[in-house]
Amino acid sequence: MLRWLVASVHLLALPLGLGAIWARSRALAGGPSPTSLSRILLADNLWGLAAALWIVTGLLRVFGGFEKGSSYYLHDRAFLVKMALLGAILLLEVWPMVTLFRWRMHARRGGVVDTTAAPALARISRIQAGLVVLMVFAATALARGLFF
């Protein structure tokens, strides 16, 4: 039962994450304003939640004995591609994460938020959304044993 629940949460994080990163991209591209800043930050929070769910449930599935085991996954090219894509998403997230954290702090203090980076952050978010879609292709290839 627990194996099924972990796998279900892992998969349910996909629409949450993809929707959140797309919403963050659209809100950033729309030219942040005081009202859209809350939408940006909410989407960013949901994106972070999805990432945490993917990582925790993914680690459980690979190393927690819930699925085929780490020896199976770590020797499969499709899994390695999926992890490389995840690594790229995480690397791309460093600047948006730091920037949006600063925006949060300025907004909480009632300060003016410098949103000049918004168009670049929107582009990064769109790239990340594309990488999430590519991860789905890698995951389905893994599940079907297309690359050994």
C-alpha atoms as a PDB file:
ATOM      1  CA  MET A   1       0.000   0.000   0.000  1.00  0.00           C
ATOM      2  CA  LEU A   2       2.792   2.438   0.919  1.00  0.00           C
ATOM      3  CA  ARG A   3       4.588   1.724  -2.361  1.00  0.00           C
ATOM      4  CA  TRP A   4       1.436   2.679  -4.260  1.00  0.00           C
ATOM      5  CA  LEU A   5       0.961   5.879  -2.232  1.00  0.00           C
ATOM      6  CA  VAL A   6       4.568   6.998  -2.728  1.00  0.00           C
ATOM      7  CA  ALA A   7       4.312   6.361  -6.483  1.00  0.00           C
ATOM      8  CA  SER A   8       0.963   8.200  -6.614  1.00  0.00           C
ATOM      9  CA  VAL A   9       2.313  11.268  -4.808  1.00  0.00           C
ATOM     10  CA  HIS A  10       5.364  11.227  -7.088  1.00  0.00           C
ATOM     11  CA  LEU A  11       3.124  11.307 -10.159  1.00  0.00           C
ATOM     12  CA  LEU A  12       0.616  13.805  -8.728  1.00  0.00           C
ATOM     13  CA  ALA A  13       3.457  16.266  -8.199  1.00  0.00           C
ATOM     14  CA  LEU A  14       3.768  16.469 -12.005  1.00  0.00           C
ATOM     15  CA  PRO A  15       0.627  18.505 -12.737  1.00  0.00           C
ATOM     16  CA  LEU A  16       1.243  20.586  -9.618  1.00  0.00           C
ATOM     17  CA  GLY A  17       4.809  21.409 -10.663  1.00  0.00           C
ATOM     18  CA  LEU A  18       4.145  21.917 -14.351  1.00  0.00           C
ATOM     19  CA  GLY A  19       1.143  24.138 -13.635  1.00  0.00           C
ATOM     20  CA  ALA A  20       3.060  26.111 -11.025  1.00  0.00           C
ATOM     21  CA  ILE A  21       6.139  26.766 -13.143  1.00  0.00           C
ATOM     22  CA  TRP A  22       3.971  27.767 -16.097  1.00  0.00           C
ATOM     23  CA  ALA A  23       1.894  30.083 -13.884  1.00  0.00           C
ATOM     24  CA  ARG A  24       5.092  31.607 -12.483  1.00  0.00           C
ATOM     25  CA  SER A  25       6.371  32.186 -16.001  1.00  0.00           C
ATOM     26  CA  ARG A  26       3.151  33.873 -17.132  1.00  0.00           C
ATOM     27  CA  ALA A  27       2.934  36.054 -14.030  1.00  0.00           C
ATOM     28  CA  LEU A  28       6.560  37.139 -14.419  1.00  0.00           C
ATOM     29  CA  ALA A  29       6.168  37.818 -18.133  1.00  0.00           C
ATOM     30  CA  GLY A  30       3.097  39.942 -17.495  1.00  0.00           C
ATOM     31  CA  GLY A  31       5.185  42.632 -15.847  1.00  0.00           C
ATOM     32  CA  PRO A  32       5.106  42.250 -12.082  1.00  0.00           C
ATOM     33  CA  SER A  33       2.982  44.681 -10.141  1.00  0.00           C
ATOM     34  CA  PRO A  34       2.039  44.725  -6.469  1.00  0.00           C
ATOM     35  CA  THR A  35      -1.015  42.588  -7.241  1.00  0.00           C
ATOM     36  CA  SER A  36       0.776  40.134  -9.525  1.00  0.00           C
ATOM     37  CA  LEU A  37       3.657  39.769  -7.064  1.00  0.00           C
ATOM     38  CA  SER A  38       1.441  37.656  -4.823  1.00  0.00           C
ATOM     39  CA  ARG A  39       0.576  35.401  -7.807  1.00  0.00           C
ATOM     40  CA  ILE A  40       4.266  35.047  -8.667  1.00  0.00           C
ATOM     41  CA  LEU A  41       5.164  34.112  -5.114  1.00  0.00           C
ATOM     42  CA  LEU A  42       2.250  31.687  -4.756  1.00  0.00           C
ATOM     43  CA  ALA A  43       3.207  29.931  -7.989  1.00  0.00           C
ATOM     44  CA  ASP A  44       6.806  29.822  -6.788  1.00  0.00           C
ATOM     45  CA  ASN A  45       5.710  28.243  -3.490  1.00  0.00           C
ATOM     46  CA  LEU A  46       3.737  25.574  -5.361  1.00  0.00           C
ATOM     47  CA  TRP A  47       6.718  24.950  -7.646  1.00  0.00           C
ATOM     48  CA  GLY A  48       8.887  24.453  -4.555  1.00  0.00           C
ATOM     49  CA  LEU A  49       6.320  22.098  -3.026  1.00  0.00           C
ATOM     50  CA  ALA A  50       6.218  20.017  -6.211  1.00  0.00           C
ATOM     51  CA  ALA A  51      10.013  19.865  -6.312  1.00  0.00           C
ATOM     52  CA  ALA A  52      10.146  18.725  -2.687  1.00  0.00           C
ATOM     53  CA  LEU A  53       7.541  16.036  -3.387  1.00  0.00           C
ATOM     54  CA  TRP A  54       9.422  14.816  -6.472  1.00  0.00           C
ATOM     55  CA  ILE A  55      12.731  14.662  -4.670  1.00  0.00           C
ATOM     56  CA  VAL A  56      11.487  13.023  -1.463  1.00  0.00           C
ATOM     57  CA  THR A  57       9.269  10.466  -3.183  1.00  0.00           C
ATOM     58  CA  GLY A  58      11.891   9.869  -5.864  1.00  0.00           C
ATOM     59  CA  LEU A  59      14.556   9.132  -3.255  1.00  0.00           C
ATOM     60  CA  LEU A  60      12.141   6.796  -1.484  1.00  0.00           C
ATOM     61  CA  ARG A  61      11.404   4.993  -4.729  1.00  0.00           C
ATOM     62  CA  VAL A  62      15.066   4.570  -5.661  1.00  0.00           C
ATOM     63  CA  PHE A  63      16.688   4.005  -2.271  1.00  0.00           C
ATOM     64  CA  GLY A  64      13.807   3.168   0.078  1.00  0.00           C
ATOM     65  CA  GLY A  65      12.952  -0.270  -1.231  1.00  0.00           C
ATOM     66  CA  PHE A  66       9.636   0.852  -2.703  1.00  0.00           C
ATOM     67  CA  GLU A  67      10.428   0.019  -6.305  1.00  0.00           C
ATOM     68  CA  LYS A  68      13.031  -1.954  -8.245  1.00  0.00           C
ATOM     69  CA  GLY A  69      15.979  -0.751  -6.198  1.00  0.00           C
ATOM     70  CA  SER A  70      18.907   1.551  -6.743  1.00  0.00           C
ATOM     71  CA  SER A  71      20.969  -0.950  -8.732  1.00  0.00           C
ATOM     72  CA  TYR A  72      18.219  -1.076 -11.363  1.00  0.00           C
ATOM     73  CA  TYR A  73      17.737   2.680 -11.585  1.00  0.00           C
ATOM     74  CA  LEU A  74      21.366   3.771 -11.391  1.00  0.00           C
ATOM     75  CA  HIS A  75      22.318   1.577 -14.351  1.00  0.00           C
ATOM     76  CA  ASP A  76      19.493   2.642 -16.650  1.00  0.00           C
ATOM     77  CA  ARG A  77      20.286   5.349 -19.209  1.00  0.00           C
ATOM     78  CA  ALA A  78      16.744   6.706 -19.213  1.00  0.00           C
ATOM     79  CA  PHE A  79      16.941   7.200 -15.452  1.00  0.00           C
ATOM     80  CA  LEU A  80      20.303   8.933 -15.808  1.00  0.00           C
ATOM     81  CA  VAL A  81      18.823  11.220 -18.475  1.00  0.00           C
ATOM     82  CA  LYS A  82      15.912  11.965 -16.147  1.00  0.00           C
ATOM     83  CA  MET A  83      18.333  12.826 -13.334  1.00  0.00           C
ATOM     84  CA  ALA A  84      20.420  15.013 -15.660  1.00  0.00           C
ATOM     85  CA  LEU A  85      17.261  16.908 -16.592  1.00  0.00           C
ATOM     86  CA  LEU A  86      16.400  17.298 -12.909  1.00  0.00           C
ATOM     87  CA  GLY A  87      19.922  18.574 -12.283  1.00  0.00           C
ATOM     88  CA  ALA A  88      19.519  21.140 -15.067  1.00  0.00           C
ATOM     89  CA  ILE A  89      16.194  22.287 -13.590  1.00  0.00           C
ATOM     90  CA  LEU A  90      17.779  22.659 -10.158  1.00  0.00           C
ATOM     91  CA  LEU A  91      20.762  24.575 -11.527  1.00  0.00           C
ATOM     92  CA  LEU A  92      18.466  26.881 -13.472  1.00  0.00           C
ATOM     93  CA  GLU A  93      16.444  27.429 -10.282  1.00  0.00           C
ATOM     94  CA  VAL A  94      19.312  28.939  -8.262  1.00  0.00           C
ATOM     95  CA  TRP A  95      18.949  32.492  -9.593  1.00  0.00           C
ATOM     96  CA  PRO A  96      15.105  32.575  -9.528  1.00  0.00           C
ATOM     97  CA  MET A  97      15.091  31.086  -6.021  1.00  0.00           C
ATOM     98  CA  VAL A  98      17.513  33.687  -4.657  1.00  0.00           C
ATOM     99  CA  THR A  99      15.807  36.547  -6.510  1.00  0.00           C
ATOM    100  CA  LEU A 100      12.284  35.585  -5.448  1.00  0.00           C
ATOM    101  CA  PHE A 101      13.450  35.107  -1.870  1.00  0.00           C
ATOM    102  CA  ARG A 102      14.747  38.687  -1.942  1.00  0.00           C
ATOM    103  CA  TRP A 103      11.464  39.887  -3.423  1.00  0.00           C
ATOM    104  CA  ARG A 104       9.618  38.175  -0.561  1.00  0.00           C
ATOM    105  CA  MET A 105      11.811  39.862   2.028  1.00  0.00           C
ATOM    106  CA  HIS A 106      11.420  43.313   0.446  1.00  0.00           C
ATOM    107  CA  ALA A 107       7.641  42.876   0.141  1.00  0.00           C
ATOM    108  CA  ARG A 108       7.315  41.760   3.786  1.00  0.00           C
ATOM    109  CA  ARG A 109       9.232  44.829   4.912  1.00  0.00           C
ATOM    110  CA  GLY A 110       7.015  47.035   2.790  1.00  0.00           C
ATOM    111  CA  GLY A 111       9.896  47.967   0.511  1.00  0.00           C
ATOM    112  CA  VAL A 112       9.914  48.450  -3.220  1.00  0.00           C
ATOM    113  CA  VAL A 113      10.676  45.256  -5.123  1.00  0.00           C
ATOM    114  CA  ASP A 114      13.083  45.601  -8.049  1.00  0.00           C
ATOM    115  CA  THR A 115      11.436  43.455 -10.737  1.00  0.00           C
ATOM    116  CA  THR A 116      13.819  44.216 -13.599  1.00  0.00           C
ATOM    117  CA  ALA A 117      14.860  40.549 -13.644  1.00  0.00           C
ATOM    118  CA  ALA A 118      11.266  39.389 -14.248  1.00  0.00           C
ATOM    119  CA  PRO A 119      11.548  38.817 -18.038  1.00  0.00           C
ATOM    120  CA  ALA A 120      14.694  36.713 -17.607  1.00  0.00           C
ATOM    121  CA  LEU A 121      13.100  34.750 -14.773  1.00  0.00           C
ATOM    122  CA  ALA A 122      10.055  34.133 -16.982  1.00  0.00           C
ATOM    123  CA  ARG A 123      12.319  32.705 -19.707  1.00  0.00           C
ATOM    124  CA  ILE A 124      14.063  30.443 -17.198  1.00  0.00           C
ATOM    125  CA  SER A 125      10.684  29.236 -15.953  1.00  0.00           C
ATOM    126  CA  ARG A 126       9.588  28.372 -19.509  1.00  0.00           C
ATOM    127  CA  ILE A 127      12.812  26.435 -20.059  1.00  0.00           C
ATOM    128  CA  GLN A 128      12.217  24.581 -16.800  1.00  0.00           C
ATOM    129  CA  ALA A 129       8.681  23.710 -17.902  1.00  0.00           C
ATOM    130  CA  GLY A 130      10.108  22.232 -21.092  1.00  0.00           C
ATOM    131  CA  LEU A 131      12.640  20.227 -19.107  1.00  0.00           C
ATOM    132  CA  VAL A 132       9.846  18.843 -16.905  1.00  0.00           C
ATOM    133  CA  VAL A 133       8.073  17.646 -20.055  1.00  0.00           C
ATOM    134  CA  LEU A 134      11.291  15.999 -21.243  1.00  0.00           C
ATOM    135  CA  MET A 135      11.552  14.298 -17.843  1.00  0.00           C
ATOM    136  CA  VAL A 136       8.154  12.719 -18.500  1.00  0.00           C
ATOM    137  CA  PHE A 137       9.505  11.242 -21.741  1.00  0.00           C
ATOM    138  CA  ALA A 138      12.550   9.896 -19.893  1.00  0.00           C
ATOM    139  CA  ALA A 139      10.335   8.455 -17.128  1.00  0.00           C
ATOM    140  CA  THR A 140       8.073   6.685 -19.584  1.00  0.00           C
ATOM    141  CA  ALA A 141      11.113   5.317 -21.445  1.00  0.00           C
ATOM    142  CA  LEU A 142      12.424   4.045 -18.116  1.00  0.00           C
ATOM    143  CA  ALA A 143       9.104   2.423 -17.259  1.00  0.00           C
ATOM    144  CA  ARG A 144       9.047   0.648 -20.612  1.00  0.00           C
ATOM    145  CA  GLY A 145      12.688  -0.408 -20.617  1.00  0.00           C
ATOM    146  CA  LEU A 146      13.492   1.444 -23.839  1.00  0.00           C
ATOM    147  CA  PHE A 147      17.087   2.251 -22.862  1.00  0.00           C
ATOM    148  CA  PHE A 148      19.069  -0.259 -20.839  1.00  0.00           C
END
